[in-house]
C-alpha atoms as a PDB file:
ATOM      1  CA  UNK A   1     215.358  89.596 -47.694  1.00  0.00           C
ATOM      2  CA  UNK A   2     217.797  86.703 -48.177  1.00  0.00           C
ATOM      3  CA  UNK A   3     221.360  87.733 -48.257  1.00  0.00           C
ATOM      4  CA  UNK A   4     222.363  85.519 -51.178  1.00  0.00           C
ATOM      5  CA  UNK A   5     223.081  87.059 -54.611  1.00  0.00           C
ATOM      6  CA  UNK A   6     220.124  86.792 -57.356  1.00  0.00           C
ATOM      7  CA  UNK A   7     220.274  84.022 -59.266  1.00  0.00           C
ATOM      8  CA  UNK A   8     223.370  82.738 -57.779  1.00  0.00           C
ATOM      9  CA  UNK A   9     224.369  79.170 -56.009  1.00  0.00           C
ATOM     10  CA  UNK A  10     222.284  78.620 -52.985  1.00  0.00           C
ATOM     11  CA  UNK A  11     223.733  76.206 -49.943  1.00  0.00           C
ATOM     12  CA  UNK A  12     222.910  72.597 -50.375  1.00  0.00           C
ATOM     13  CA  UNK A  13     220.930  72.866 -53.569  1.00  0.00           C
ATOM     14  CA  UNK A  14     221.798  73.033 -57.488  1.00  0.00           C
ATOM     15  CA  UNK A  15     222.940  76.418 -58.862  1.00  0.00           C
ATOM     16  CA  UNK A  16     220.225  78.835 -60.135  1.00  0.00           C
ATOM     17  CA  UNK A  17     216.406  78.772 -60.608  1.00  0.00           C
ATOM     18  CA  UNK A  18     216.226  76.784 -63.533  1.00  0.00           C
ATOM     19  CA  UNK A  19     218.034  73.791 -62.430  1.00  0.00           C
ATOM     20  CA  UNK A  20     216.203  73.964 -59.203  1.00  0.00           C
ATOM     21  CA  UNK A  21     212.808  74.192 -60.835  1.00  0.00           C
ATOM     22  CA  UNK A  22     213.550  71.264 -63.068  1.00  0.00           C
ATOM     23  CA  UNK A  23     214.482  69.084 -60.093  1.00  0.00           C
ATOM     24  CA  UNK A  24     211.386  70.182 -58.396  1.00  0.00           C
ATOM     25  CA  UNK A  25     209.077  69.036 -61.318  1.00  0.00           C
ATOM     26  CA  UNK A  26     211.228  65.862 -61.801  1.00  0.00           C
ATOM     27  CA  UNK A  27     210.434  64.840 -58.248  1.00  0.00           C
ATOM     28  CA  UNK A  28     206.825  66.006 -58.462  1.00  0.00           C
ATOM     29  CA  UNK A  29     206.156  63.451 -61.303  1.00  0.00           C
ATOM     30  CA  UNK A  30     207.871  60.835 -59.375  1.00  0.00           C
ATOM     31  CA  UNK A  31     205.922  61.413 -56.334  1.00  0.00           C
ATOM     32  CA  UNK A  32     202.750  61.300 -58.165  1.00  0.00           C
ATOM     33  CA  UNK A  33     203.393  57.586 -59.382  1.00  0.00           C
ATOM     34  CA  UNK A  34     204.312  56.507 -55.683  1.00  0.00           C
ATOM     35  CA  UNK A  35     204.722  58.853 -52.471  1.00  0.00           C
ATOM     36  CA  UNK A  36     208.068  58.732 -50.826  1.00  0.00           C
ATOM     37  CA  UNK A  37     208.665  60.583 -47.495  1.00  0.00           C
ATOM     38  CA  UNK A  38     212.415  61.324 -48.307  1.00  0.00           C
ATOM     39  CA  UNK A  39     211.335  62.470 -51.680  1.00  0.00           C
ATOM     40  CA  UNK A  40     208.603  64.866 -50.368  1.00  0.00           C
ATOM     41  CA  UNK A  41     211.184  66.141 -47.659  1.00  0.00           C
ATOM     42  CA  UNK A  42     213.393  66.919 -50.488  1.00  0.00           C
ATOM     43  CA  UNK A  43     210.865  68.646 -52.536  1.00  0.00           C
ATOM     44  CA  UNK A  44     210.244  70.871 -49.471  1.00  0.00           C
ATOM     45  CA  UNK A  45     213.783  71.694 -49.251  1.00  0.00           C
ATOM     46  CA  UNK A  46     214.355  72.532 -53.196  1.00  0.00           C
ATOM     47  CA  UNK A  47     210.876  74.646 -52.818  1.00  0.00           C
ATOM     48  CA  UNK A  48     212.414  76.603 -49.837  1.00  0.00           C
ATOM     49  CA  UNK A  49     215.792  77.341 -51.862  1.00  0.00           C
ATOM     50  CA  UNK A  50     213.926  78.479 -55.228  1.00  0.00           C
ATOM     51  CA  UNK A  51     211.821  80.640 -53.321  1.00  0.00           C
ATOM     52  CA  UNK A  52     214.688  82.383 -51.607  1.00  0.00           C
ATOM     53  CA  UNK A  53     216.165  82.949 -54.957  1.00  0.00           C
ATOM     54  CA  UNK A  54     212.865  84.790 -56.192  1.00  0.00           C
ATOM     55  CA  UNK A  55     213.006  86.987 -53.074  1.00  0.00           C
ATOM     56  CA  UNK A  56     216.575  87.924 -53.973  1.00  0.00           C
ATOM     57  CA  UNK A  57     215.321  88.565 -57.654  1.00  0.00           C
ATOM     58  CA  UNK A  58     212.591  90.998 -56.773  1.00  0.00           C
ATOM     59  CA  UNK A  59     212.480  94.095 -58.983  1.00  0.00           C
ATOM     60  CA  UNK A  60     211.681  97.603 -58.072  1.00  0.00           C
ATOM     61  CA  UNK A  61     209.019  99.098 -58.631  1.00  0.00           C
ATOM     62  CA  UNK A  62     206.866  95.920 -58.135  1.00  0.00           C
ATOM     63  CA  UNK A  63     204.050  95.070 -60.652  1.00  0.00           C
ATOM     64  CA  UNK A  64     200.552  96.416 -59.897  1.00  0.00           C
ATOM     65  CA  UNK A  65     197.762  94.276 -58.813  1.00  0.00           C
ATOM     66  CA  UNK A  66     194.838  93.104 -60.957  1.00  0.00           C
ATOM     67  CA  UNK A  67     192.162  95.875 -61.838  1.00  0.00           C
ATOM     68  CA  UNK A  68     188.960  95.044 -59.951  1.00  0.00           C
ATOM     69  CA  UNK A  69     186.006  94.184 -61.712  1.00  0.00           C
ATOM     70  CA  UNK A  70     183.394  95.960 -59.713  1.00  0.00           C
ATOM     71  CA  UNK A  71     180.439  95.472 -62.293  1.00  0.00           C
ATOM     72  CA  UNK A  72     180.964  91.576 -62.061  1.00  0.00           C
ATOM     73  CA  UNK A  73     180.246  91.638 -58.379  1.00  0.00           C
ATOM     74  CA  UNK A  74     176.821  90.053 -57.110  1.00  0.00           C
ATOM     75  CA  UNK A  75     174.750  92.914 -56.217  1.00  0.00           C
ATOM     76  CA  UNK A  76     172.876  93.825 -52.885  1.00  0.00           C
ATOM     77  CA  UNK A  77     174.367  91.421 -50.884  1.00  0.00           C
ATOM     78  CA  UNK A  78     176.576  91.671 -47.795  1.00  0.00           C
ATOM     79  CA  UNK A  79     178.778  88.911 -48.523  1.00  0.00           C
ATOM     80  CA  UNK A  80     179.497  88.401 -52.200  1.00  0.00           C
ATOM     81  CA  UNK A  81     179.285  84.565 -53.306  1.00  0.00           C
ATOM     82  CA  UNK A  82     180.341  83.367 -56.688  1.00  0.00           C
ATOM     83  CA  UNK A  83     181.055  79.838 -58.197  1.00  0.00           C
ATOM     84  CA  UNK A  84     184.423  78.666 -58.872  1.00  0.00           C
ATOM     85  CA  UNK A  85     183.811  78.716 -62.770  1.00  0.00           C
ATOM     86  CA  UNK A  86     183.353  82.643 -62.414  1.00  0.00           C
ATOM     87  CA  UNK A  87     186.357  83.389 -60.431  1.00  0.00           C
ATOM     88  CA  UNK A  88     188.911  85.748 -61.849  1.00  0.00           C
ATOM     89  CA  UNK A  89     191.834  87.811 -60.651  1.00  0.00           C
ATOM     90  CA  UNK A  90     189.817  91.007 -61.263  1.00  0.00           C
ATOM     91  CA  UNK A  91     186.362  89.707 -59.420  1.00  0.00           C
ATOM     92  CA  UNK A  92     188.514  88.791 -56.661  1.00  0.00           C
ATOM     93  CA  UNK A  93     190.295  92.000 -56.318  1.00  0.00           C
ATOM     94  CA  UNK A  94     186.889  93.885 -56.421  1.00  0.00           C
ATOM     95  CA  UNK A  95     185.205  91.594 -53.735  1.00  0.00           C
ATOM     96  CA  UNK A  96     188.356  92.557 -51.495  1.00  0.00           C
ATOM     97  CA  UNK A  97     188.255  96.179 -51.999  1.00  0.00           C
ATOM     98  CA  UNK A  98     184.482  96.302 -51.509  1.00  0.00           C
ATOM     99  CA  UNK A  99     183.651  93.722 -48.795  1.00  0.00           C
ATOM    100  CA  UNK A 100     187.009  92.500 -47.727  1.00  0.00           C
ATOM    101  CA  UNK A 101     186.830  89.093 -49.259  1.00  0.00           C
ATOM    102  CA  UNK A 102     184.876  86.716 -51.857  1.00  0.00           C
ATOM    103  CA  UNK A 103     183.265  83.664 -51.072  1.00  0.00           C
ATOM    104  CA  UNK A 104     183.884  80.915 -53.557  1.00  0.00           C
ATOM    105  CA  UNK A 105     181.890  77.636 -53.821  1.00  0.00           C
ATOM    106  CA  UNK A 106     183.212  74.709 -55.028  1.00  0.00           C
ATOM    107  CA  UNK A 107     186.633  76.040 -55.597  1.00  0.00           C
ATOM    108  CA  UNK A 108     188.042  72.434 -54.996  1.00  0.00           C
ATOM    109  CA  UNK A 109     186.116  69.427 -55.957  1.00  0.00           C
ATOM    110  CA  UNK A 110     184.060  68.368 -52.534  1.00  0.00           C
ATOM    111  CA  UNK A 111     185.240  64.698 -52.882  1.00  0.00           C
ATOM    112  CA  UNK A 112     189.043  65.955 -53.304  1.00  0.00           C
ATOM    113  CA  UNK A 113     188.716  68.154 -50.325  1.00  0.00           C
ATOM    114  CA  UNK A 114     187.054  65.448 -47.864  1.00  0.00           C
ATOM    115  CA  UNK A 115     190.026  63.212 -49.016  1.00  0.00           C
ATOM    116  CA  UNK A 116     192.609  65.239 -47.087  1.00  0.00           C
ATOM    117  CA  UNK A 117     190.491  64.865 -43.849  1.00  0.00           C
ATOM    118  CA  UNK A 118     191.768  61.276 -43.037  1.00  0.00           C
ATOM    119  CA  UNK A 119     195.341  62.635 -43.691  1.00  0.00           C
ATOM    120  CA  UNK A 120     194.822  65.537 -41.352  1.00  0.00           C
ATOM    121  CA  UNK A 121     193.985  63.051 -38.659  1.00  0.00           C
ATOM    122  CA  UNK A 122     196.922  60.989 -39.421  1.00  0.00           C
ATOM    123  CA  UNK A 123     199.367  63.994 -39.224  1.00  0.00           C
ATOM    124  CA  UNK A 124     197.783  65.037 -35.865  1.00  0.00           C
ATOM    125  CA  UNK A 125     198.349  61.449 -34.490  1.00  0.00           C
ATOM    126  CA  UNK A 126     201.933  61.239 -35.966  1.00  0.00           C
ATOM    127  CA  UNK A 127     202.814  64.582 -34.135  1.00  0.00           C
ATOM    128  CA  UNK A 128     201.355  63.210 -30.800  1.00  0.00           C
ATOM    129  CA  UNK A 129     203.729  60.101 -31.309  1.00  0.00           C
ATOM    130  CA  UNK A 130     206.542  62.357 -32.079  1.00  0.00           C
ATOM    131  CA  UNK A 131     206.116  64.533 -29.096  1.00  0.00           C
ATOM    132  CA  UNK A 132     206.107  61.323 -26.889  1.00  0.00           C
ATOM    133  CA  UNK A 133     209.316  60.366 -28.490  1.00  0.00           C
ATOM    134  CA  UNK A 134     207.694  57.435 -30.104  1.00  0.00           C
ATOM    135  CA  UNK A 135     207.896  56.291 -34.036  1.00  0.00           C
ATOM    136  CA  UNK A 136     205.765  58.805 -36.271  1.00  0.00           C
ATOM    137  CA  UNK A 137     205.296  58.001 -39.932  1.00  0.00           C
ATOM    138  CA  UNK A 138     207.859  60.573 -41.451  1.00  0.00           C
ATOM    139  CA  UNK A 139     205.200  61.061 -44.616  1.00  0.00           C
ATOM    140  CA  UNK A 140     202.600  62.400 -42.100  1.00  0.00           C
ATOM    141  CA  UNK A 141     204.967  64.258 -39.414  1.00  0.00           C
ATOM    142  CA  UNK A 142     208.601  65.482 -39.772  1.00  0.00           C
ATOM    143  CA  UNK A 143     209.207  68.910 -38.695  1.00  0.00           C
ATOM    144  CA  UNK A 144     210.722  71.010 -41.606  1.00  0.00           C
ATOM    145  CA  UNK A 145     213.836  73.191 -40.845  1.00  0.00           C
ATOM    146  CA  UNK A 146     213.996  75.998 -43.624  1.00  0.00           C
ATOM    147  CA  UNK A 147     217.102  77.461 -44.796  1.00  0.00           C
ATOM    148  CA  UNK A 148     218.131  80.057 -42.146  1.00  0.00           C
ATOM    149  CA  UNK A 149     219.149  82.911 -44.349  1.00  0.00           C
ATOM    150  CA  UNK A 150     215.303  83.550 -44.732  1.00  0.00           C
ATOM    151  CA  UNK A 151     213.387  82.344 -41.604  1.00  0.00           C
ATOM    152  CA  UNK A 152     212.650  83.318 -38.176  1.00  0.00           C
ATOM    153  CA  UNK A 153     211.423  80.844 -35.387  1.00  0.00           C
ATOM    154  CA  UNK A 154     208.503  78.513 -36.073  1.00  0.00           C
ATOM    155  CA  UNK A 155     206.015  79.122 -33.283  1.00  0.00           C
ATOM    156  CA  UNK A 156     204.485  75.495 -33.564  1.00  0.00           C
ATOM    157  CA  UNK A 157     202.796  75.585 -29.969  1.00  0.00           C
ATOM    158  CA  UNK A 158     201.028  78.775 -30.989  1.00  0.00           C
ATOM    159  CA  UNK A 159     199.769  76.838 -34.085  1.00  0.00           C
ATOM    160  CA  UNK A 160     198.638  73.703 -32.210  1.00  0.00           C
ATOM    161  CA  UNK A 161     196.686  76.013 -29.672  1.00  0.00           C
ATOM    162  CA  UNK A 162     194.482  77.203 -32.435  1.00  0.00           C
ATOM    163  CA  UNK A 163     193.800  73.649 -33.777  1.00  0.00           C
ATOM    164  CA  UNK A 164     196.388  73.559 -36.275  1.00  0.00           C
ATOM    165  CA  UNK A 165     199.571  71.744 -37.779  1.00  0.00           C
ATOM    166  CA  UNK A 166     202.037  73.381 -40.083  1.00  0.00           C
ATOM    167  CA  UNK A 167     201.525  71.837 -43.553  1.00  0.00           C
ATOM    168  CA  UNK A 168     205.481  71.739 -44.054  1.00  0.00           C
ATOM    169  CA  UNK A 169     205.811  69.355 -40.980  1.00  0.00           C
ATOM    170  CA  UNK A 170     203.752  66.753 -42.911  1.00  0.00           C
ATOM    171  CA  UNK A 171     205.545  66.045 -46.146  1.00  0.00           C
ATOM    172  CA  UNK A 172     203.172  63.843 -47.674  1.00  0.00           C
ATOM    173  CA  UNK A 173     200.070  66.350 -47.125  1.00  0.00           C
ATOM    174  CA  UNK A 174     202.104  69.325 -48.144  1.00  0.00           C
ATOM    175  CA  UNK A 175     202.732  67.471 -51.232  1.00  0.00           C
ATOM    176  CA  UNK A 176     199.001  66.668 -51.746  1.00  0.00           C
ATOM    177  CA  UNK A 177     197.918  70.206 -50.963  1.00  0.00           C
ATOM    178  CA  UNK A 178     200.298  71.467 -53.583  1.00  0.00           C
ATOM    179  CA  UNK A 179     198.912  69.253 -56.065  1.00  0.00           C
ATOM    180  CA  UNK A 180     195.344  70.269 -55.007  1.00  0.00           C
ATOM    181  CA  UNK A 181     196.034  73.881 -55.235  1.00  0.00           C
ATOM    182  CA  UNK A 182     197.508  73.378 -58.958  1.00  0.00           C
ATOM    183  CA  UNK A 183     194.460  71.137 -59.865  1.00  0.00           C
ATOM    184  CA  UNK A 184     192.306  74.228 -58.475  1.00  0.00           C
ATOM    185  CA  UNK A 185     194.070  76.707 -60.867  1.00  0.00           C
ATOM    186  CA  UNK A 186     195.371  78.677 -57.706  1.00  0.00           C
ATOM    187  CA  UNK A 187     198.887  79.365 -59.017  1.00  0.00           C
ATOM    188  CA  UNK A 188     197.542  81.232 -62.236  1.00  0.00           C
ATOM    189  CA  UNK A 189     194.627  82.965 -60.305  1.00  0.00           C
ATOM    190  CA  UNK A 190     196.948  84.333 -57.358  1.00  0.00           C
ATOM    191  CA  UNK A 191     199.422  85.472 -59.998  1.00  0.00           C
ATOM    192  CA  UNK A 192     196.983  87.604 -61.685  1.00  0.00           C
ATOM    193  CA  UNK A 193     195.815  88.813 -58.657  1.00  0.00           C
ATOM    194  CA  UNK A 194     198.927  90.022 -57.084  1.00  0.00           C
ATOM    195  CA  UNK A 195     200.675  90.732 -60.373  1.00  0.00           C
ATOM    196  CA  UNK A 196     203.602  88.581 -59.351  1.00  0.00           C
ATOM    197  CA  UNK A 197     204.657  84.802 -59.116  1.00  0.00           C
ATOM    198  CA  UNK A 198     203.340  84.136 -55.682  1.00  0.00           C
ATOM    199  CA  UNK A 199     205.075  82.267 -52.651  1.00  0.00           C
ATOM    200  CA  UNK A 200     203.528  80.603 -50.042  1.00  0.00           C
ATOM    201  CA  UNK A 201     205.150  80.574 -46.255  1.00  0.00           C
ATOM    202  CA  UNK A 202     206.009  77.653 -43.980  1.00  0.00           C
ATOM    203  CA  UNK A 203     204.631  79.970 -41.006  1.00  0.00           C
ATOM    204  CA  UNK A 204     201.233  80.598 -42.592  1.00  0.00           C
ATOM    205  CA  UNK A 205     200.127  77.440 -44.425  1.00  0.00           C
ATOM    206  CA  UNK A 206     198.431  75.324 -42.054  1.00  0.00           C
ATOM    207  CA  UNK A 207     196.243  72.097 -41.918  1.00  0.00           C
ATOM    208  CA  UNK A 208     193.364  72.795 -39.200  1.00  0.00           C
ATOM    209  CA  UNK A 209     191.266  70.655 -37.003  1.00  0.00           C
ATOM    210  CA  UNK A 210     189.037  73.109 -34.961  1.00  0.00           C
ATOM    211  CA  UNK A 211     187.238  71.329 -32.355  1.00  0.00           C
ATOM    212  CA  UNK A 212     184.021  73.138 -30.810  1.00  0.00           C
ATOM    213  CA  UNK A 213     185.941  74.009 -27.850  1.00  0.00           C
ATOM    214  CA  UNK A 214     188.476  76.214 -29.832  1.00  0.00           C
ATOM    215  CA  UNK A 215     188.524  79.504 -28.685  1.00  0.00           C
ATOM    216  CA  UNK A 216     188.328  82.371 -31.277  1.00  0.00           C
ATOM    217  CA  UNK A 217     189.507  85.981 -31.088  1.00  0.00           C
ATOM    218  CA  UNK A 218     188.897  88.715 -33.786  1.00  0.00           C
ATOM    219  CA  UNK A 219     191.982  89.697 -35.549  1.00  0.00           C
ATOM    220  CA  UNK A 220     193.559  91.068 -38.564  1.00  0.00           C
ATOM    221  CA  UNK A 221     196.456  89.173 -39.927  1.00  0.00           C
ATOM    222  CA  UNK A 222     198.431  91.796 -41.222  1.00  0.00           C
ATOM    223  CA  UNK A 223     198.742  93.122 -37.529  1.00  0.00           C
ATOM    224  CA  UNK A 224     201.658  90.505 -37.042  1.00  0.00           C
ATOM    225  CA  UNK A 225     202.815  90.197 -40.590  1.00  0.00           C
ATOM    226  CA  UNK A 226     204.026  93.712 -41.146  1.00  0.00           C
ATOM    227  CA  UNK A 227     203.871  95.509 -44.534  1.00  0.00           C
ATOM    228  CA  UNK A 228     202.765  92.728 -46.962  1.00  0.00           C
ATOM    229  CA  UNK A 229     201.138  92.138 -50.456  1.00  0.00           C
ATOM    230  CA  UNK A 230     199.006  88.930 -49.588  1.00  0.00           C
ATOM    231  CA  UNK A 231     196.167  86.886 -50.349  1.00  0.00           C
ATOM    232  CA  UNK A 232     194.525  84.004 -48.079  1.00  0.00           C
ATOM    233  CA  UNK A 233     192.861  81.051 -49.044  1.00  0.00           C
ATOM    234  CA  UNK A 234     190.712  79.695 -46.270  1.00  0.00           C
ATOM    235  CA  UNK A 235     189.462  76.356 -47.759  1.00  0.00           C
ATOM    236  CA  UNK A 236     186.924  74.367 -45.946  1.00  0.00           C
ATOM    237  CA  UNK A 237     187.386  70.538 -46.081  1.00  0.00           C
ATOM    238  CA  UNK A 238     184.152  69.738 -44.186  1.00  0.00           C
ATOM    239  CA  UNK A 239     180.667  71.133 -43.649  1.00  0.00           C
ATOM    240  CA  UNK A 240     181.053  74.040 -40.867  1.00  0.00           C
ATOM    241  CA  UNK A 241     179.459  77.224 -39.639  1.00  0.00           C
ATOM    242  CA  UNK A 242     176.648  75.565 -37.561  1.00  0.00           C
ATOM    243  CA  UNK A 243     177.313  72.044 -36.488  1.00  0.00           C
ATOM    244  CA  UNK A 244     181.283  72.615 -36.535  1.00  0.00           C
ATOM    245  CA  UNK A 245     183.120  75.825 -35.893  1.00  0.00           C
ATOM    246  CA  UNK A 246     183.049  78.045 -38.917  1.00  0.00           C
ATOM    247  CA  UNK A 247     184.219  81.674 -39.069  1.00  0.00           C
ATOM    248  CA  UNK A 248     182.523  85.118 -37.973  1.00  0.00           C
ATOM    249  CA  UNK A 249     183.509  87.909 -40.460  1.00  0.00           C
ATOM    250  CA  UNK A 250     183.058  91.509 -40.893  1.00  0.00           C
ATOM    251  CA  UNK A 251     182.030  91.937 -44.470  1.00  0.00           C
ATOM    252  CA  UNK A 252     183.523  95.210 -45.269  1.00  0.00           C
ATOM    253  CA  UNK A 253     186.708  96.687 -46.587  1.00  0.00           C
ATOM    254  CA  UNK A 254     188.892  98.208 -43.737  1.00  0.00           C
ATOM    255  CA  UNK A 255     191.866 100.499 -44.825  1.00  0.00           C
ATOM    256  CA  UNK A 256     193.491 100.396 -41.389  1.00  0.00           C
ATOM    257  CA  UNK A 257     194.073  98.062 -38.447  1.00  0.00           C
ATOM    258  CA  UNK A 258     191.523  98.100 -35.722  1.00  0.00           C
ATOM    259  CA  UNK A 259     192.921  98.944 -32.034  1.00  0.00           C
ATOM    260  CA  UNK A 260     193.751  95.810 -30.279  1.00  0.00           C
ATOM    261  CA  UNK A 261     193.919  94.929 -26.615  1.00  0.00           C
ATOM    262  CA  UNK A 262     190.688  96.606 -25.354  1.00  0.00           C
ATOM    263  CA  UNK A 263     187.769  95.039 -23.313  1.00  0.00           C
ATOM    264  CA  UNK A 264     188.309  91.463 -23.081  1.00  0.00           C
ATOM    265  CA  UNK A 265     190.920  91.263 -25.808  1.00  0.00           C
ATOM    266  CA  UNK A 266     194.152  91.051 -23.830  1.00  0.00           C
ATOM    267  CA  UNK A 267     196.940  89.625 -26.379  1.00  0.00           C
ATOM    268  CA  UNK A 268     198.843  92.116 -28.509  1.00  0.00           C
ATOM    269  CA  UNK A 269     196.923  91.352 -31.780  1.00  0.00           C
ATOM    270  CA  UNK A 270     193.291  90.674 -30.393  1.00  0.00           C
ATOM    271  CA  UNK A 271     190.333  92.840 -31.198  1.00  0.00           C
ATOM    272  CA  UNK A 272     187.568  92.863 -28.728  1.00  0.00           C
ATOM    273  CA  UNK A 273     184.007  92.275 -29.802  1.00  0.00           C
ATOM    274  CA  UNK A 274     182.949  95.947 -29.408  1.00  0.00           C
ATOM    275  CA  UNK A 275     185.929  96.989 -31.451  1.00  0.00           C
ATOM    276  CA  UNK A 276     184.685  94.608 -34.057  1.00  0.00           C
ATOM    277  CA  UNK A 277     181.136  95.819 -33.979  1.00  0.00           C
ATOM    278  CA  UNK A 278     182.593  99.440 -34.399  1.00  0.00           C
ATOM    279  CA  UNK A 279     184.508  98.359 -37.573  1.00  0.00           C
ATOM    280  CA  UNK A 280     181.698  96.904 -39.035  1.00  0.00           C
ATOM    281  CA  UNK A 281     180.072  99.974 -39.171  1.00  0.00           C
ATOM    282  CA  UNK A 282     176.597  98.994 -39.595  1.00  0.00           C
ATOM    283  CA  UNK A 283     177.420  96.020 -41.628  1.00  0.00           C
ATOM    284  CA  UNK A 284     176.272  92.672 -40.390  1.00  0.00           C
ATOM    285  CA  UNK A 285     178.677  90.440 -38.721  1.00  0.00           C
ATOM    286  CA  UNK A 286     178.108  87.006 -40.435  1.00  0.00           C
ATOM    287  CA  UNK A 287     178.667  83.504 -39.991  1.00  0.00           C
ATOM    288  CA  UNK A 288     178.536  81.968 -43.226  1.00  0.00           C
ATOM    289  CA  UNK A 289     177.970  78.081 -43.968  1.00  0.00           C
ATOM    290  CA  UNK A 290     180.700  76.066 -45.798  1.00  0.00           C
ATOM    291  CA  UNK A 291     180.556  72.795 -47.579  1.00  0.00           C
ATOM    292  CA  UNK A 292     183.690  70.803 -48.419  1.00  0.00           C
ATOM    293  CA  UNK A 293     185.578  72.381 -51.129  1.00  0.00           C
ATOM    294  CA  UNK A 294     184.146  76.167 -50.337  1.00  0.00           C
ATOM    295  CA  UNK A 295     186.504  78.865 -49.904  1.00  0.00           C
ATOM    296  CA  UNK A 296     186.863  82.331 -48.539  1.00  0.00           C
ATOM    297  CA  UNK A 297     189.793  84.728 -49.967  1.00  0.00           C
ATOM    298  CA  UNK A 298     190.803  87.759 -48.253  1.00  0.00           C
ATOM    299  CA  UNK A 299     193.964  89.829 -47.521  1.00  0.00           C
ATOM    300  CA  UNK A 300     195.660  90.783 -44.480  1.00  0.00           C
ATOM    301  CA  UNK A 301     193.373  93.794 -43.551  1.00  0.00           C
ATOM    302  CA  UNK A 302     190.049  91.517 -43.227  1.00  0.00           C
ATOM    303  CA  UNK A 303     188.758  91.037 -39.730  1.00  0.00           C
ATOM    304  CA  UNK A 304     187.434  87.715 -38.769  1.00  0.00           C
ATOM    305  CA  UNK A 305     187.521  85.047 -36.065  1.00  0.00           C
ATOM    306  CA  UNK A 306     187.038  81.435 -35.538  1.00  0.00           C
ATOM    307  CA  UNK A 307     183.405  81.035 -34.944  1.00  0.00           C
ATOM    308  CA  UNK A 308     182.686  78.423 -32.367  1.00  0.00           C
ATOM    309  CA  UNK A 309     179.858  77.771 -29.537  1.00  0.00           C
ATOM    310  CA  UNK A 310     178.881  75.077 -27.012  1.00  0.00           C
ATOM    311  CA  UNK A 311     176.046  73.629 -29.184  1.00  0.00           C
ATOM    312  CA  UNK A 312     178.432  72.453 -31.899  1.00  0.00           C
ATOM    313  CA  UNK A 313     179.262  68.880 -31.775  1.00  0.00           C
ATOM    314  CA  UNK A 314     181.459  68.358 -34.843  1.00  0.00           C
ATOM    315  CA  UNK A 315     185.224  69.349 -35.637  1.00  0.00           C
ATOM    316  CA  UNK A 316     185.894  71.453 -38.582  1.00  0.00           C
ATOM    317  CA  UNK A 317     188.560  70.728 -41.144  1.00  0.00           C
ATOM    318  CA  UNK A 318     190.274  73.352 -43.298  1.00  0.00           C
ATOM    319  CA  UNK A 319     193.297  74.407 -44.764  1.00  0.00           C
ATOM    320  CA  UNK A 320     194.736  77.965 -44.651  1.00  0.00           C
ATOM    321  CA  UNK A 321     197.432  79.130 -47.195  1.00  0.00           C
ATOM    322  CA  UNK A 322     198.662  82.501 -47.294  1.00  0.00           C
ATOM    323  CA  UNK A 323     200.277  83.710 -50.631  1.00  0.00           C
ATOM    324  CA  UNK A 324     202.715  86.554 -51.106  1.00  0.00           C
ATOM    325  CA  UNK A 325     204.120  88.626 -53.798  1.00  0.00           C
ATOM    326  CA  UNK A 326     207.929  88.415 -53.668  1.00  0.00           C
ATOM    327  CA  UNK A 327     208.000  92.200 -53.421  1.00  0.00           C
ATOM    328  CA  UNK A 328     205.635  92.135 -50.338  1.00  0.00           C
ATOM    329  CA  UNK A 329     206.733  88.953 -48.384  1.00  0.00           C
ATOM    330  CA  UNK A 330     206.991  89.286 -44.615  1.00  0.00           C
ATOM    331  CA  UNK A 331     210.259  89.516 -42.991  1.00  0.00           C
ATOM    332  CA  UNK A 332     211.617  86.501 -40.920  1.00  0.00           C
ATOM    333  CA  UNK A 333     208.909  84.317 -42.469  1.00  0.00           C
ATOM    334  CA  UNK A 334     210.126  81.273 -44.518  1.00  0.00           C
ATOM    335  CA  UNK A 335     208.993  81.037 -48.177  1.00  0.00           C
ATOM    336  CA  UNK A 336     208.233  78.246 -50.255  1.00  0.00           C
ATOM    337  CA  UNK A 337     207.193  78.119 -54.066  1.00  0.00           C
ATOM    338  CA  UNK A 338     203.930  76.741 -54.956  1.00  0.00           C
END
């Protein structure tokens, strides 16, 4: 956690959470009228400072998570699917505890999901220009520097290798993503699920453009996040799973981390194909199809990987957003309010 006093002043920002929250909302309203790179960068800075104050104010013991609604889950399926209108914190909790995940169709309006694709292409192009020491549009690429009191190194090259770009490095798209999540009701849903007002993290909120050549490796995200209280939103912006890379998933609840670095899995957090099949324990390993606006929700124990093969011809666009309860926020990650 950060070292500052709960509710006290923070460096380079207004004192106290209410003042920060008020300025954030004022800037949001102005940016809805006309997007501005400096305003969007200021928003990210203030969201980071307010999130640090929330971490300082964590209470003990933390609130409990939502009570699972097992009776509401679809019966007789390996991977439960529901419509967005059916989604509740209790049903989400049940899906994760029984199947490791919940697939939600149409969580975001398809046209709104597809609208982010052009922006992601512009952000990737702006990053390329920035790295070539050219002039990049600052709304689409401007590397974010979080407050050092609650931050570790941002490993941008690792994100790039996985077909990603940190959302916070694209101030304009970070704003659009925040608006999209709010319109879809994610802040209230995630707070109901976690039992606490959620935070995002700079390190794990990613804009993705996965080419068919993007390699996938089985993994559980909690293996490199530590002890957390988390929920992941994997939101597809384009059709994927057959013509474009999707996800391979083990649709069952795992209560522990699978052994890593066996057989072909050489990296510290990678799980081999054999170990993934053993973890499935008879459950079918699935590759669901996604359309724009469909989402998969899961937690840090879920075993999955990017699914690509040589027959695919299209890139897959997606957004990955990890939400954390302040009481279970990963050490050395940089926080953001929603």
